[in-house]
Amino acid sequence: MSAFSRRILCLPAAALLTAAAGCSFSDSDGTRPVPTPSAAAAGMCRTLQGHLPGTVDGLDRSSTGPDSDFAADWGDPAVQLRCGVARPTVLTPGSEHYNPTADAVDVNGVTWLLEKQDDGYRFTTTGRKAFVELTVPGKYAPEVNALPDLAGAVKKSVPSEL
């Protein structure tokens, strides 16, 4: 990732738990598209799959999409993780939506870009050798509650770019 300035909110856990209260995701068919990562990212994603927890924010692992080493789900409606996704356009210089000061949070040593959706939030890791995306429906507000459960697995599996 190129070096650029971005607002990073380093919040204590209690603040994170209330930071996104009242946010909400659009209804979808419940399936998740499976990414097709590069070979290097695929290896990290397979490692991540082995470290993912059985529960996220109290939700049990489920399956709303095809079996894949690059995706996982918890709950219904599903909290959906996808590993090896493309760089978010908000972080891509020259894209229409590029914003080098986009809001992000640091949760247990993993920085996540925050993107409000119609019904919840999409969080995407930054500063890592592969992008990991998590979508959390508004039903689970505050949506950031899912991030602490995944930070350790991401740190173990997807190295920092620094």
Protein backbone atom coordinates (compact mmCIF):
# COMPACT_ATOMS: atom_id res chain seq x y z
CA MET A 1 0.00 0.00 0.00
CA SER A 2 1.37 3.42 -0.80
CA ALA A 3 2.22 5.75 2.03
CA PHE A 4 -0.50 8.34 2.49
CA SER A 5 -2.27 10.01 5.32
CA ARG A 6 -5.50 8.56 6.59
CA ARG A 7 -7.57 9.26 9.69
CA ILE A 8 -7.18 6.28 11.95
CA LEU A 9 -9.35 6.10 15.01
CA CYS A 10 -7.55 4.22 17.76
CA LEU A 11 -10.36 3.61 20.19
CA PRO A 12 -10.56 1.62 23.40
CA ALA A 13 -12.78 -1.46 23.17
CA ALA A 14 -15.71 0.21 24.94
CA ALA A 15 -15.67 3.09 22.46
CA LEU A 16 -15.46 0.70 19.52
CA LEU A 17 -18.50 -1.15 20.76
CA THR A 18 -20.58 2.01 20.56
CA ALA A 19 -18.86 3.76 17.64
CA ALA A 20 -21.22 2.44 14.98
CA ALA A 21 -24.46 2.20 16.95
CA GLY A 22 -27.60 2.75 14.93
CA CYS A 23 -26.07 1.81 11.59
CA SER A 24 -27.83 -0.47 9.24
CA PHE A 25 -27.08 -3.26 5.44
CA SER A 26 -29.34 -3.72 2.49
CA ASP A 27 -31.25 -6.98 2.20
CA SER A 28 -29.59 -9.35 -0.21
CA ASP A 29 -30.08 -12.94 -1.28
CA GLY A 30 -27.67 -13.98 1.49
CA THR A 31 -25.02 -15.42 -0.80
CA ARG A 32 -21.50 -14.15 -0.86
CA PRO A 33 -19.30 -13.92 -3.94
CA VAL A 34 -16.02 -15.76 -3.52
CA PRO A 35 -12.94 -13.71 -4.39
CA THR A 36 -10.20 -14.94 -6.71
CA PRO A 37 -7.00 -13.73 -5.01
CA SER A 38 -3.51 -13.67 -6.46
CA ALA A 39 -1.32 -16.71 -5.72
CA ALA A 40 0.48 -14.88 -2.90
CA ALA A 41 -2.77 -13.67 -1.33
CA ALA A 42 -4.36 -17.12 -1.75
CA GLY A 43 -1.67 -18.67 0.46
CA MET A 44 -2.31 -16.10 3.19
CA CYS A 45 -6.07 -16.59 2.86
CA ARG A 46 -5.74 -20.35 3.25
CA THR A 47 -3.70 -19.76 6.39
CA LEU A 48 -6.33 -17.30 7.65
CA GLN A 49 -9.06 -19.91 7.09
CA GLY A 50 -7.26 -22.21 9.54
CA HIS A 51 -7.16 -19.50 12.22
CA LEU A 52 -10.74 -18.20 11.94
CA PRO A 53 -12.83 -18.51 15.10
CA GLY A 54 -15.94 -20.69 15.35
CA THR A 55 -17.91 -17.70 16.63
CA VAL A 56 -17.80 -14.01 15.78
CA ASP A 57 -19.71 -11.55 17.98
CA GLY A 58 -21.52 -14.53 19.51
CA LEU A 59 -22.61 -15.85 16.08
CA ASP A 60 -21.80 -19.44 15.08
CA ARG A 61 -20.05 -20.27 11.84
CA SER A 62 -22.55 -20.88 9.03
CA SER A 63 -22.53 -21.31 5.27
CA THR A 64 -24.41 -18.95 2.98
CA GLY A 65 -22.10 -19.28 0.03
CA PRO A 66 -20.04 -21.90 -1.72
CA ASP A 67 -17.30 -23.64 0.30
CA SER A 68 -14.09 -21.73 -0.18
CA ASP A 69 -10.68 -21.16 1.39
CA PHE A 70 -11.28 -17.48 0.68
CA ALA A 71 -14.58 -16.84 2.48
CA ALA A 72 -16.44 -17.56 5.73
CA ASP A 73 -19.80 -16.72 7.29
CA TRP A 74 -21.26 -16.43 10.78
CA GLY A 75 -24.93 -16.10 11.74
CA ASP A 76 -28.11 -15.44 9.80
CA PRO A 77 -28.18 -12.91 8.24
CA ALA A 78 -24.52 -13.66 7.70
CA VAL A 79 -21.52 -11.71 8.81
CA GLN A 80 -19.40 -12.40 5.75
CA LEU A 81 -15.60 -12.50 5.48
CA ARG A 82 -13.82 -12.54 2.14
CA CYS A 83 -10.03 -12.77 1.85
CA GLY A 84 -7.99 -11.71 -1.14
CA VAL A 85 -10.41 -9.05 -2.36
CA ALA A 86 -9.28 -6.18 -4.56
CA ARG A 87 -7.99 -2.95 -3.06
CA PRO A 88 -10.99 -0.77 -2.14
CA THR A 89 -11.50 2.06 -4.62
CA VAL A 90 -11.44 4.55 -1.75
CA LEU A 91 -7.78 3.51 -1.26
CA THR A 92 -6.88 3.46 -4.96
CA PRO A 93 -5.18 6.65 -6.18
CA GLY A 94 -6.81 7.92 -9.37
CA SER A 95 -10.15 6.21 -8.74
CA GLU A 96 -13.32 8.28 -8.66
CA HIS A 97 -13.84 7.49 -4.96
CA TYR A 98 -10.21 7.82 -3.80
CA ASN A 99 -10.04 9.29 -0.30
CA PRO A 100 -6.63 9.12 1.42
CA THR A 101 -8.24 10.36 4.65
CA ALA A 102 -11.01 7.73 4.80
CA ASP A 103 -12.00 6.70 8.31
CA ALA A 104 -10.39 3.61 9.75
CA VAL A 105 -10.17 1.94 13.15
CA ASP A 106 -7.33 0.04 14.74
CA VAL A 107 -8.58 -3.04 16.57
CA ASN A 108 -5.99 -5.10 18.41
CA GLY A 109 -3.25 -4.17 15.94
CA VAL A 110 -5.30 -4.57 12.73
CA THR A 111 -6.44 -1.47 10.86
CA TRP A 112 -9.83 -1.65 9.17
CA LEU A 113 -11.28 0.82 6.65
CA LEU A 114 -14.91 1.64 7.53
CA GLU A 115 -17.46 1.91 4.71
CA LYS A 116 -21.12 2.52 5.54
CA GLN A 117 -23.47 0.31 3.51
CA ASP A 118 -27.25 0.50 3.06
CA ASP A 119 -27.71 -2.00 5.89
CA GLY A 120 -24.56 -2.14 8.02
CA TYR A 121 -20.86 -1.72 7.40
CA ARG A 122 -18.10 -3.16 5.26
CA PHE A 123 -14.70 -3.26 6.93
CA THR A 124 -11.53 -3.90 4.91
CA THR A 125 -8.06 -4.39 6.33
CA THR A 126 -5.39 -1.91 5.33
CA GLY A 127 -1.62 -2.08 5.59
CA ARG A 128 -1.60 -5.87 5.06
CA LYS A 129 -0.18 -7.96 2.19
CA ALA A 130 -3.72 -9.10 1.29
CA PHE A 131 -7.04 -7.34 1.75
CA VAL A 132 -9.58 -9.00 4.04
CA GLU A 133 -13.16 -7.72 3.88
CA LEU A 134 -15.88 -8.19 6.45
CA THR A 135 -19.51 -7.18 5.91
CA VAL A 136 -21.69 -6.92 9.00
CA PRO A 137 -25.46 -6.43 8.70
CA GLY A 138 -27.04 -3.63 10.73
CA LYS A 139 -28.95 -6.23 12.74
CA TYR A 140 -25.69 -6.71 14.68
CA ALA A 141 -25.14 -3.05 15.54
CA PRO A 142 -22.77 -1.92 16.71
CA GLU A 143 -21.14 -3.64 13.75
CA VAL A 144 -17.59 -3.09 15.00
CA ASN A 145 -18.18 -5.76 17.67
CA ALA A 146 -17.16 -8.43 15.15
CA LEU A 147 -13.67 -6.99 14.60
CA PRO A 148 -11.98 -8.00 17.89
CA ASP A 149 -12.90 -11.64 17.25
CA LEU A 150 -11.07 -11.61 13.91
CA ALA A 151 -8.04 -9.41 14.63
CA GLY A 152 -5.87 -12.21 16.05
CA ALA A 153 -6.51 -14.50 13.09
CA VAL A 154 -5.71 -11.71 10.62
CA LYS A 155 -2.49 -10.78 12.47
CA LYS A 156 -1.32 -14.42 12.47
CA SER A 157 -2.15 -15.04 8.82
CA VAL A 158 -1.80 -11.86 6.76
CA PRO A 159 1.49 -10.05 7.39
CA SER A 160 1.73 -6.29 7.66
CA GLU A 161 3.14 -4.42 4.66
CA LEU A 162 5.54 -2.56 6.92
